Each structure stands twice: as C-alpha cells, then as structure tokens.
Protein backbone atom coordinates (compact mmCIF):
# COMPACT_ATOMS: atom_id res chain seq x y z
CA MET A 1 0.00 0.00 0.00
CA THR A 2 1.22 3.48 -0.84
CA ILE A 3 0.24 6.51 1.21
CA ALA A 4 -0.20 9.80 -0.60
CA LYS A 5 1.83 12.75 0.61
CA LEU A 6 -0.21 14.94 -1.72
CA ALA A 7 -3.37 14.29 -3.74
CA TYR A 8 -5.54 16.75 -5.61
CA LEU A 9 -7.79 17.13 -8.65
CA THR A 10 -7.26 19.49 -11.58
CA THR A 11 -8.98 20.19 -14.86
CA PRO A 12 -6.46 21.20 -17.54
CA ALA A 13 -9.15 21.67 -20.20
CA PRO A 14 -12.93 21.54 -20.42
CA GLY A 15 -14.11 17.95 -19.97
CA ARG A 16 -10.67 16.66 -18.82
CA TYR A 17 -10.09 15.72 -15.19
CA MET A 18 -6.74 14.82 -13.64
CA LEU A 19 -5.95 13.08 -10.38
CA ASN A 20 -2.52 14.25 -9.18
CA ILE A 21 -0.72 12.13 -6.59
CA GLN A 22 2.67 12.32 -4.88
CA ALA A 23 3.57 9.36 -2.67
CA PHE A 24 5.48 9.74 0.61
CA GLY A 25 9.18 9.31 -0.01
CA SER A 26 8.95 10.38 -3.65
CA ASP A 27 9.42 13.68 -5.45
CA GLU A 28 7.56 12.38 -8.51
CA LEU A 29 4.09 13.75 -9.18
CA ILE A 30 1.90 11.16 -10.89
CA GLN A 31 -0.91 12.51 -13.06
CA ILE A 32 -3.77 10.23 -14.04
CA GLU A 33 -6.56 11.34 -16.33
CA ILE A 34 -9.91 10.19 -15.01
CA ALA A 35 -13.38 10.08 -16.54
CA LYS A 36 -16.11 12.44 -15.37
CA ALA A 37 -17.88 9.43 -13.82
CA HIS A 38 -14.79 8.78 -11.66
CA LEU A 39 -14.74 12.41 -10.57
CA VAL A 40 -18.41 12.20 -9.61
CA ASN A 41 -17.78 9.00 -7.62
CA PHE A 42 -14.84 10.60 -5.77
CA LEU A 43 -16.97 13.56 -4.79
CA ILE A 44 -20.09 11.63 -3.77
CA ASP A 45 -18.32 8.84 -1.91
CA GLY A 46 -15.69 11.12 -0.38
CA THR A 47 -18.28 13.56 0.92
CA ALA A 48 -20.43 10.79 2.38
CA TRP A 49 -17.44 9.13 4.07
CA ALA A 50 -16.13 12.41 5.49
CA LEU A 51 -19.52 13.43 6.87
CA ARG A 52 -20.21 9.98 8.29
CA GLU A 53 -16.83 9.96 10.05
CA GLU A 54 -17.34 13.48 11.39
CA GLN A 55 -20.77 12.61 12.76
CA HIS A 56 -19.54 9.34 14.24
CA LEU A 57 -16.57 10.91 15.98
CA ASN A 58 -18.35 14.19 16.75
CA ARG A 59 -15.31 16.06 15.53
CA PHE A 60 -16.99 19.18 14.18
CA PRO A 61 -14.79 22.01 15.39
CA LYS A 62 -16.37 24.19 18.02
CA THR A 63 -16.51 27.91 17.47
CA GLN A 64 -14.96 30.19 20.04
CA THR A 65 -18.47 31.33 21.06
CA GLU A 66 -19.66 27.74 21.64
CA ASP A 67 -16.56 27.01 23.70
CA GLN A 68 -17.17 30.11 25.87
CA HIS A 69 -20.82 29.12 26.45
CA GLU A 70 -19.77 25.67 27.64
CA ARG A 71 -17.34 27.18 30.18
CA ALA A 72 -19.95 29.62 31.54
C-alpha cells in the first residue's frame, strides 16, 4: 500500500479531469486522467465518508463562542 503525501484534482481543459498524486518518499508527481464518472464517484463517496466519520466521531470544530458558552 502506498500513502499519498499529496493528492488533488485538476482540470487542464474543459471535460478533462486529472488526479494528481505524490507518494510519501517520492518527489515524482503522478498525473492520471480520469473520466467524469470517476470524478463524480470521488466527490459523492468522499463527501459521504467524510460526513459519516465526522458525525460518528463528533469532531466538528467548536466555534470560540460555543466554547465560551460551555465554560460559563
């Protein structure tokens, strides 16, 4: 298994989507062109997973105001 040091999406031209990855321990940036369907899946699944994890762990950051109300 490889762990990404850096991963991001770009769109170099209309209708073209690139997944850019740099692995830990490497200076090489790998660029993979993906289909629009892959992009949609990344966004839908990634959002659902992130929100589910946040709700499960109750890790939504508190605002300074909320923190002050809890101390009062």
